[in-house]
Amino acid sequence: MDERDVRLLKAISELETGSPERLHEETDIPVSTIHYRLSNLREEGVITNDRYDFDLEKLGLGVTVLVEVHADYRGSYEEFADRLLTIEGVTNVYFTMGETDFIVVARLSSSETVERLIADFEQLEGVDRTDSTFVISAIEERDALQSYELETLLEELVDE
């Protein structure tokens, strides 16, 4: 990855669009070069999709619950995580070190559905117990690249 690739990825993150015209305005990289580089970044698996982001609050999935899962499971942690992902509403599963084995993020339609979520966890073989936390308000949810200054990304990601 070179400087232009990093600049493009940062601009995509900031502008929340893959429009070559908008990216050109932001980076001064020629539109034809942007098309070429975006294609290469897709082929390399750096860009994985062309998705639309949704406002989950407006969609009706405005309740976010963080669940610590304490588990005693057989098999690999990946297999167990896959089972956690089968529960409706679960969007992210993280395997962790320390007292908690997994942290799960779920997006739900109402506080009443939390009971169903926890019951579903308790039905999974290997789940010892869960600790749940309601998110009162998401102060900011941002793309990972948005949390870095461009200069830092260039220093850390550009191949020498």
C-alpha atoms as a PDB file:
ATOM      1  CA  MET A   1       0.000   0.000   0.000  1.00  0.00           C
ATOM      2  CA  ASP A   2       1.357   3.414  -0.861  1.00  0.00           C
ATOM      3  CA  GLU A   3       0.552   6.987   0.150  1.00  0.00           C
ATOM      4  CA  ARG A   4      -2.199   7.425  -2.459  1.00  0.00           C
ATOM      5  CA  ASP A   5      -3.971   4.271  -1.268  1.00  0.00           C
ATOM      6  CA  VAL A   6      -3.880   5.459   2.342  1.00  0.00           C
ATOM      7  CA  ARG A   7      -5.114   8.934   1.328  1.00  0.00           C
ATOM      8  CA  LEU A   8      -7.996   7.351  -0.611  1.00  0.00           C
ATOM      9  CA  LEU A   9      -8.998   5.081   2.281  1.00  0.00           C
ATOM     10  CA  LYS A  10      -8.885   7.968   4.734  1.00  0.00           C
ATOM     11  CA  ALA A  11     -11.031  10.100   2.388  1.00  0.00           C
ATOM     12  CA  ILE A  12     -13.560   7.272   1.963  1.00  0.00           C
ATOM     13  CA  SER A  13     -13.781   7.010   5.733  1.00  0.00           C
ATOM     14  CA  GLU A  14     -14.187  10.746   6.276  1.00  0.00           C
ATOM     15  CA  LEU A  15     -16.588  11.404   3.373  1.00  0.00           C
ATOM     16  CA  GLU A  16     -18.455   8.119   3.851  1.00  0.00           C
ATOM     17  CA  THR A  17     -18.573   7.601   0.095  1.00  0.00           C
ATOM     18  CA  GLY A  18     -16.642   5.816  -2.599  1.00  0.00           C
ATOM     19  CA  SER A  19     -17.635   8.336  -5.277  1.00  0.00           C
ATOM     20  CA  PRO A  20     -14.536   8.872  -7.444  1.00  0.00           C
ATOM     21  CA  GLU A  21     -15.598  12.450  -8.128  1.00  0.00           C
ATOM     22  CA  ARG A  22     -15.921  13.288  -4.410  1.00  0.00           C
ATOM     23  CA  LEU A  23     -12.665  11.485  -3.642  1.00  0.00           C
ATOM     24  CA  HIS A  24     -10.928  13.488  -6.389  1.00  0.00           C
ATOM     25  CA  GLU A  25     -12.198  16.746  -4.853  1.00  0.00           C
ATOM     26  CA  GLU A  26     -10.846  15.687  -1.461  1.00  0.00           C
ATOM     27  CA  THR A  27      -7.482  14.212  -2.532  1.00  0.00           C
ATOM     28  CA  ASP A  28      -6.655  15.772  -5.932  1.00  0.00           C
ATOM     29  CA  ILE A  29      -5.935  12.264  -7.197  1.00  0.00           C
ATOM     30  CA  PRO A  30      -7.172  11.941 -10.812  1.00  0.00           C
ATOM     31  CA  VAL A  31     -10.527  10.173 -11.187  1.00  0.00           C
ATOM     32  CA  SER A  32      -9.078   7.533 -13.530  1.00  0.00           C
ATOM     33  CA  THR A  33      -6.363   6.759 -10.968  1.00  0.00           C
ATOM     34  CA  ILE A  34      -9.014   6.513  -8.239  1.00  0.00           C
ATOM     35  CA  HIS A  35     -10.980   3.960 -10.295  1.00  0.00           C
ATOM     36  CA  TYR A  36      -7.820   1.918 -10.851  1.00  0.00           C
ATOM     37  CA  ARG A  37      -6.740   2.044  -7.209  1.00  0.00           C
ATOM     38  CA  LEU A  38     -10.207   1.229  -5.837  1.00  0.00           C
ATOM     39  CA  SER A  39     -10.318  -1.789  -8.135  1.00  0.00           C
ATOM     40  CA  ASN A  40      -6.910  -2.942  -6.869  1.00  0.00           C
ATOM     41  CA  LEU A  41      -7.905  -2.396  -3.224  1.00  0.00           C
ATOM     42  CA  ARG A  42     -11.018  -4.542  -3.822  1.00  0.00           C
ATOM     43  CA  GLU A  43      -8.931  -7.298  -5.470  1.00  0.00           C
ATOM     44  CA  GLU A  44      -6.511  -7.237  -2.511  1.00  0.00           C
ATOM     45  CA  GLY A  45      -9.425  -7.553  -0.089  1.00  0.00           C
ATOM     46  CA  VAL A  46      -8.768  -4.196   1.599  1.00  0.00           C
ATOM     47  CA  ILE A  47     -12.151  -2.897   0.428  1.00  0.00           C
ATOM     48  CA  THR A  48     -14.614  -5.690   1.044  1.00  0.00           C
ATOM     49  CA  ASN A  49     -17.929  -4.278  -0.178  1.00  0.00           C
ATOM     50  CA  ASP A  50     -19.915  -1.298  -1.438  1.00  0.00           C
ATOM     51  CA  ARG A  51     -22.462  -1.094   1.324  1.00  0.00           C
ATOM     52  CA  TYR A  52     -24.878   1.492   2.484  1.00  0.00           C
ATOM     53  CA  ASP A  53     -24.724   2.384   6.152  1.00  0.00           C
ATOM     54  CA  PHE A  54     -28.035   2.578   7.950  1.00  0.00           C
ATOM     55  CA  ASP A  55     -29.169   4.755  10.822  1.00  0.00           C
ATOM     56  CA  LEU A  56     -30.138   1.879  13.099  1.00  0.00           C
ATOM     57  CA  GLU A  57     -32.046   4.214  15.424  1.00  0.00           C
ATOM     58  CA  LYS A  58     -34.316   5.382  12.607  1.00  0.00           C
ATOM     59  CA  LEU A  59     -34.581   1.821  11.320  1.00  0.00           C
ATOM     60  CA  GLY A  60     -35.958   0.710  14.686  1.00  0.00           C
ATOM     61  CA  LEU A  61     -32.925  -1.062  16.111  1.00  0.00           C
ATOM     62  CA  GLY A  62     -31.932   1.679  18.520  1.00  0.00           C
ATOM     63  CA  VAL A  63     -31.228  -0.399  21.643  1.00  0.00           C
ATOM     64  CA  THR A  64     -27.579  -1.419  21.954  1.00  0.00           C
ATOM     65  CA  VAL A  65     -26.607  -4.026  24.516  1.00  0.00           C
ATOM     66  CA  LEU A  66     -23.073  -5.092  25.407  1.00  0.00           C
ATOM     67  CA  VAL A  67     -22.985  -8.618  26.764  1.00  0.00           C
ATOM     68  CA  GLU A  68     -20.063 -10.227  28.570  1.00  0.00           C
ATOM     69  CA  VAL A  69     -20.257 -13.969  28.005  1.00  0.00           C
ATOM     70  CA  HIS A  70     -18.550 -16.255  30.502  1.00  0.00           C
ATOM     71  CA  ALA A  71     -18.233 -19.647  28.876  1.00  0.00           C
ATOM     72  CA  ASP A  72     -17.010 -23.187  29.339  1.00  0.00           C
ATOM     73  CA  TYR A  73     -17.162 -24.619  25.829  1.00  0.00           C
ATOM     74  CA  ARG A  74     -15.705 -27.490  23.890  1.00  0.00           C
ATOM     75  CA  GLY A  75     -13.965 -26.942  20.578  1.00  0.00           C
ATOM     76  CA  SER A  76     -12.372 -23.804  19.252  1.00  0.00           C
ATOM     77  CA  TYR A  77     -13.275 -20.283  20.286  1.00  0.00           C
ATOM     78  CA  GLU A  78     -14.075 -19.554  16.633  1.00  0.00           C
ATOM     79  CA  GLU A  79     -16.725 -22.291  16.579  1.00  0.00           C
ATOM     80  CA  PHE A  80     -18.218 -20.999  19.819  1.00  0.00           C
ATOM     81  CA  ALA A  81     -18.213 -17.428  18.466  1.00  0.00           C
ATOM     82  CA  ASP A  82     -20.059 -18.672  15.383  1.00  0.00           C
ATOM     83  CA  ARG A  83     -22.761 -20.076  17.669  1.00  0.00           C
ATOM     84  CA  LEU A  84     -23.014 -16.713  19.459  1.00  0.00           C
ATOM     85  CA  LEU A  85     -23.502 -15.045  16.082  1.00  0.00           C
ATOM     86  CA  THR A  86     -26.571 -17.209  15.395  1.00  0.00           C
ATOM     87  CA  ILE A  87     -28.541 -15.298  18.036  1.00  0.00           C
ATOM     88  CA  GLU A  88     -30.812 -12.713  16.451  1.00  0.00           C
ATOM     89  CA  GLY A  89     -29.632  -9.166  17.014  1.00  0.00           C
ATOM     90  CA  VAL A  90     -25.968 -10.039  17.609  1.00  0.00           C
ATOM     91  CA  THR A  91     -23.792  -7.895  15.358  1.00  0.00           C
ATOM     92  CA  ASN A  92     -20.284  -8.335  16.769  1.00  0.00           C
ATOM     93  CA  VAL A  93     -18.476 -10.991  18.816  1.00  0.00           C
ATOM     94  CA  TYR A  94     -15.040 -10.420  20.346  1.00  0.00           C
ATOM     95  CA  PHE A  95     -12.888 -13.139  21.939  1.00  0.00           C
ATOM     96  CA  THR A  96     -11.166 -11.559  24.933  1.00  0.00           C
ATOM     97  CA  MET A  97      -8.541 -12.197  27.612  1.00  0.00           C
ATOM     98  CA  GLY A  98      -9.265 -11.879  31.302  1.00  0.00           C
ATOM     99  CA  GLU A  99     -12.372 -12.692  33.336  1.00  0.00           C
ATOM    100  CA  THR A 100     -14.700 -12.466  30.333  1.00  0.00           C
ATOM    101  CA  ASP A 101     -14.400 -14.926  27.465  1.00  0.00           C
ATOM    102  CA  PHE A 102     -16.407 -13.026  24.854  1.00  0.00           C
ATOM    103  CA  ILE A 103     -17.910  -9.580  24.458  1.00  0.00           C
ATOM    104  CA  VAL A 104     -20.971  -9.447  22.263  1.00  0.00           C
ATOM    105  CA  VAL A 105     -22.674  -6.399  20.782  1.00  0.00           C
ATOM    106  CA  ALA A 106     -26.372  -6.694  19.973  1.00  0.00           C
ATOM    107  CA  ARG A 107     -28.708  -4.194  18.289  1.00  0.00           C
ATOM    108  CA  LEU A 108     -32.321  -4.642  19.331  1.00  0.00           C
ATOM    109  CA  SER A 109     -35.678  -3.045  18.656  1.00  0.00           C
ATOM    110  CA  SER A 110     -36.693  -2.449  22.283  1.00  0.00           C
ATOM    111  CA  SER A 111     -35.693  -3.051  25.877  1.00  0.00           C
ATOM    112  CA  GLU A 112     -38.318  -5.815  25.997  1.00  0.00           C
ATOM    113  CA  THR A 113     -36.296  -7.881  23.507  1.00  0.00           C
ATOM    114  CA  VAL A 114     -33.295  -7.994  25.848  1.00  0.00           C
ATOM    115  CA  GLU A 115     -34.986 -10.750  27.840  1.00  0.00           C
ATOM    116  CA  ARG A 116     -35.237 -12.856  24.676  1.00  0.00           C
ATOM    117  CA  LEU A 117     -31.590 -12.144  23.879  1.00  0.00           C
ATOM    118  CA  ILE A 118     -30.390 -13.280  27.292  1.00  0.00           C
ATOM    119  CA  ALA A 119     -32.646 -16.356  27.203  1.00  0.00           C
ATOM    120  CA  ASP A 120     -31.130 -17.253  23.817  1.00  0.00           C
ATOM    121  CA  PHE A 121     -27.621 -16.968  25.273  1.00  0.00           C
ATOM    122  CA  GLU A 122     -28.582 -19.153  28.223  1.00  0.00           C
ATOM    123  CA  GLN A 123     -29.860 -21.833  25.822  1.00  0.00           C
ATOM    124  CA  LEU A 124     -26.434 -22.145  24.181  1.00  0.00           C
ATOM    125  CA  GLU A 125     -24.395 -25.055  25.448  1.00  0.00           C
ATOM    126  CA  GLY A 126     -21.203 -23.722  27.009  1.00  0.00           C
ATOM    127  CA  VAL A 127     -22.557 -20.388  28.279  1.00  0.00           C
ATOM    128  CA  ASP A 128     -22.045 -20.267  32.057  1.00  0.00           C
ATOM    129  CA  ARG A 129     -23.421 -16.788  32.612  1.00  0.00           C
ATOM    130  CA  THR A 130     -23.773 -13.358  31.043  1.00  0.00           C
ATOM    131  CA  ASP A 131     -23.437  -9.780  32.260  1.00  0.00           C
ATOM    132  CA  SER A 132     -25.311  -7.220  30.192  1.00  0.00           C
ATOM    133  CA  THR A 133     -24.944  -3.471  29.890  1.00  0.00           C
ATOM    134  CA  PHE A 134     -27.407  -1.173  28.131  1.00  0.00           C
ATOM    135  CA  VAL A 135     -25.861   1.601  26.103  1.00  0.00           C
ATOM    136  CA  ILE A 136     -27.713   4.760  27.081  1.00  0.00           C
ATOM    137  CA  SER A 137     -26.310   6.877  24.282  1.00  0.00           C
ATOM    138  CA  ALA A 138     -23.685   6.324  21.594  1.00  0.00           C
ATOM    139  CA  ILE A 139     -21.570   9.443  21.856  1.00  0.00           C
ATOM    140  CA  GLU A 140     -19.851   8.647  18.589  1.00  0.00           C
ATOM    141  CA  GLU A 141     -19.494   5.566  16.454  1.00  0.00           C
ATOM    142  CA  ARG A 142     -16.854   6.013  13.836  1.00  0.00           C
ATOM    143  CA  ASP A 143     -14.864   4.087  11.365  1.00  0.00           C
ATOM    144  CA  ALA A 144     -11.425   3.021  12.589  1.00  0.00           C
ATOM    145  CA  LEU A 145      -9.663   5.250  10.052  1.00  0.00           C
ATOM    146  CA  GLN A 146     -11.556   8.276  11.379  1.00  0.00           C
ATOM    147  CA  SER A 147      -9.793   7.878  14.732  1.00  0.00           C
ATOM    148  CA  TYR A 148      -6.363   8.529  13.173  1.00  0.00           C
ATOM    149  CA  GLU A 149      -4.709  11.596  11.729  1.00  0.00           C
ATOM    150  CA  LEU A 150      -3.674  11.150   8.096  1.00  0.00           C
ATOM    151  CA  GLU A 151       0.004  11.607   8.987  1.00  0.00           C
ATOM    152  CA  THR A 152      -0.147   8.733  11.486  1.00  0.00           C
ATOM    153  CA  LEU A 153      -1.782   6.461   8.916  1.00  0.00           C
ATOM    154  CA  LEU A 154       0.863   7.348   6.366  1.00  0.00           C
ATOM    155  CA  GLU A 155       3.666   6.604   8.847  1.00  0.00           C
ATOM    156  CA  GLU A 156       2.187   3.301   9.989  1.00  0.00           C
ATOM    157  CA  LEU A 157       0.648   1.870   6.809  1.00  0.00           C
ATOM    158  CA  VAL A 158       2.675   2.984   3.795  1.00  0.00           C
ATOM    159  CA  ASP A 159       5.097   0.314   2.604  1.00  0.00           C
ATOM    160  CA  GLU A 160       8.664   1.492   2.480  1.00  0.00           C
END
